[in-house]
C-alpha atoms as a PDB file:
ATOM      1  CA  UNK A   1      -0.036  -0.102   0.008  1.00  0.00           C
ATOM      2  CA  UNK A   2       2.810   2.424   0.786  1.00  0.00           C
ATOM      3  CA  UNK A   3       4.904   1.224  -2.196  1.00  0.00           C
ATOM      4  CA  UNK A   4       3.482   0.284  -5.563  1.00  0.00           C
ATOM      5  CA  UNK A   5       3.423  -3.415  -6.453  1.00  0.00           C
ATOM      6  CA  UNK A   6       1.691  -5.710  -8.877  1.00  0.00           C
ATOM      7  CA  UNK A   7      -1.762  -4.887  -7.330  1.00  0.00           C
ATOM      8  CA  UNK A   8      -1.378  -1.321  -6.569  1.00  0.00           C
ATOM      9  CA  UNK A   9      -0.277   1.108  -9.338  1.00  0.00           C
ATOM     10  CA  UNK A  10       2.149   4.024  -8.494  1.00  0.00           C
ATOM     11  CA  UNK A  11      -0.606   6.808  -8.623  1.00  0.00           C
ATOM     12  CA  UNK A  12      -2.614   4.941  -6.000  1.00  0.00           C
ATOM     13  CA  UNK A  13       0.174   3.922  -3.686  1.00  0.00           C
ATOM     14  CA  UNK A  14       0.619   6.224  -0.737  1.00  0.00           C
ATOM     15  CA  UNK A  15       3.896   7.499  -2.361  1.00  0.00           C
ATOM     16  CA  UNK A  16       2.095   8.446  -5.435  1.00  0.00           C
ATOM     17  CA  UNK A  17      -0.726  10.180  -3.543  1.00  0.00           C
ATOM     18  CA  UNK A  18       1.863  11.902  -1.386  1.00  0.00           C
ATOM     19  CA  UNK A  19       3.491  13.263  -4.656  1.00  0.00           C
ATOM     20  CA  UNK A  20       0.014  14.570  -5.791  1.00  0.00           C
ATOM     21  CA  UNK A  21      -0.697  16.187  -2.444  1.00  0.00           C
ATOM     22  CA  UNK A  22       2.891  17.806  -2.175  1.00  0.00           C
ATOM     23  CA  UNK A  23       2.473  19.229  -5.704  1.00  0.00           C
ATOM     24  CA  UNK A  24      -0.583  21.248  -4.192  1.00  0.00           C
ATOM     25  CA  UNK A  25       1.167  22.527  -1.218  1.00  0.00           C
ATOM     26  CA  UNK A  26       2.374  25.827  -2.696  1.00  0.00           C
ATOM     27  CA  UNK A  27       2.219  27.930   0.519  1.00  0.00           C
ATOM     28  CA  UNK A  28       1.455  27.365   4.275  1.00  0.00           C
ATOM     29  CA  UNK A  29      -2.124  26.033   4.551  1.00  0.00           C
ATOM     30  CA  UNK A  30      -4.449  24.662   6.963  1.00  0.00           C
ATOM     31  CA  UNK A  31      -5.360  20.893   6.785  1.00  0.00           C
ATOM     32  CA  UNK A  32      -8.901  21.597   5.878  1.00  0.00           C
ATOM     33  CA  UNK A  33      -7.765  24.034   3.062  1.00  0.00           C
ATOM     34  CA  UNK A  34      -5.373  21.291   1.675  1.00  0.00           C
ATOM     35  CA  UNK A  35      -8.295  18.747   1.850  1.00  0.00           C
ATOM     36  CA  UNK A  36     -10.585  21.130  -0.180  1.00  0.00           C
ATOM     37  CA  UNK A  37      -7.652  21.414  -2.743  1.00  0.00           C
ATOM     38  CA  UNK A  38      -7.098  17.646  -3.184  1.00  0.00           C
ATOM     39  CA  UNK A  39     -10.601  16.195  -2.448  1.00  0.00           C
ATOM     40  CA  UNK A  40     -11.460  15.977  -6.044  1.00  0.00           C
ATOM     41  CA  UNK A  41      -8.065  14.181  -7.066  1.00  0.00           C
ATOM     42  CA  UNK A  42      -9.125  10.702  -8.035  1.00  0.00           C
ATOM     43  CA  UNK A  43      -6.040   9.054  -6.366  1.00  0.00           C
ATOM     44  CA  UNK A  44      -6.855  10.658  -2.910  1.00  0.00           C
ATOM     45  CA  UNK A  45     -10.568   9.682  -3.165  1.00  0.00           C
ATOM     46  CA  UNK A  46     -11.083   9.414   0.713  1.00  0.00           C
ATOM     47  CA  UNK A  47     -10.343  11.418   3.750  1.00  0.00           C
ATOM     48  CA  UNK A  48      -8.851   8.422   5.517  1.00  0.00           C
ATOM     49  CA  UNK A  49      -6.281   8.001   2.649  1.00  0.00           C
ATOM     50  CA  UNK A  50      -5.503  11.691   2.865  1.00  0.00           C
ATOM     51  CA  UNK A  51      -4.791  11.465   6.629  1.00  0.00           C
ATOM     52  CA  UNK A  52      -2.456   8.369   6.183  1.00  0.00           C
ATOM     53  CA  UNK A  53      -0.534  10.267   3.320  1.00  0.00           C
ATOM     54  CA  UNK A  54      -0.086  13.333   5.611  1.00  0.00           C
ATOM     55  CA  UNK A  55       1.205  10.966   8.405  1.00  0.00           C
ATOM     56  CA  UNK A  56       3.684   9.530   5.960  1.00  0.00           C
ATOM     57  CA  UNK A  57       4.778  12.919   4.666  1.00  0.00           C
ATOM     58  CA  UNK A  58       5.330  14.212   8.007  1.00  0.00           C
ATOM     59  CA  UNK A  59       7.161  11.072   9.100  1.00  0.00           C
ATOM     60  CA  UNK A  60       9.606  11.199   6.164  1.00  0.00           C
ATOM     61  CA  UNK A  61      10.230  14.957   6.777  1.00  0.00           C
ATOM     62  CA  UNK A  62       8.493  16.253   3.631  1.00  0.00           C
ATOM     63  CA  UNK A  63       5.934  18.300   5.518  1.00  0.00           C
ATOM     64  CA  UNK A  64       6.083  20.597   8.555  1.00  0.00           C
ATOM     65  CA  UNK A  65       3.111  21.277  10.853  1.00  0.00           C
ATOM     66  CA  UNK A  66       3.540  24.505  12.932  1.00  0.00           C
ATOM     67  CA  UNK A  67       0.844  26.972  14.414  1.00  0.00           C
ATOM     68  CA  UNK A  68      -1.867  24.918  12.745  1.00  0.00           C
ATOM     69  CA  UNK A  69      -0.390  25.290   9.160  1.00  0.00           C
ATOM     70  CA  UNK A  70       1.214  22.769   7.002  1.00  0.00           C
ATOM     71  CA  UNK A  71       4.068  23.685   4.826  1.00  0.00           C
ATOM     72  CA  UNK A  72       6.669  21.957   2.743  1.00  0.00           C
ATOM     73  CA  UNK A  73       9.943  21.299   4.661  1.00  0.00           C
ATOM     74  CA  UNK A  74      12.917  22.688   2.649  1.00  0.00           C
ATOM     75  CA  UNK A  75      15.889  20.368   2.150  1.00  0.00           C
ATOM     76  CA  UNK A  76      18.666  20.928   4.667  1.00  0.00           C
END
C-alpha cells in the first residue's frame, strides 16, 4: 500500500498520492484547506487515505506542521 506493487499502481500507492498532495502545497495552509484542494483528485478519493498520506509525509520529513499550518519542509 505504501509502495506500488503488482496490485497497486504508483498513482494509487501512498507515495504516489503523497506526490500529488505535495504538488498542491504551494504555501502554508491549514489541513482543511489542503483537503479542499485535493478532495477531487481521483487518487486521493477518501479522507482516510488523505490522513494516512499526511502522516507519511510528516514522518519522512516532507511536511512541517506549525501553528496549525502545513508547509513543505525545505531540504537541509
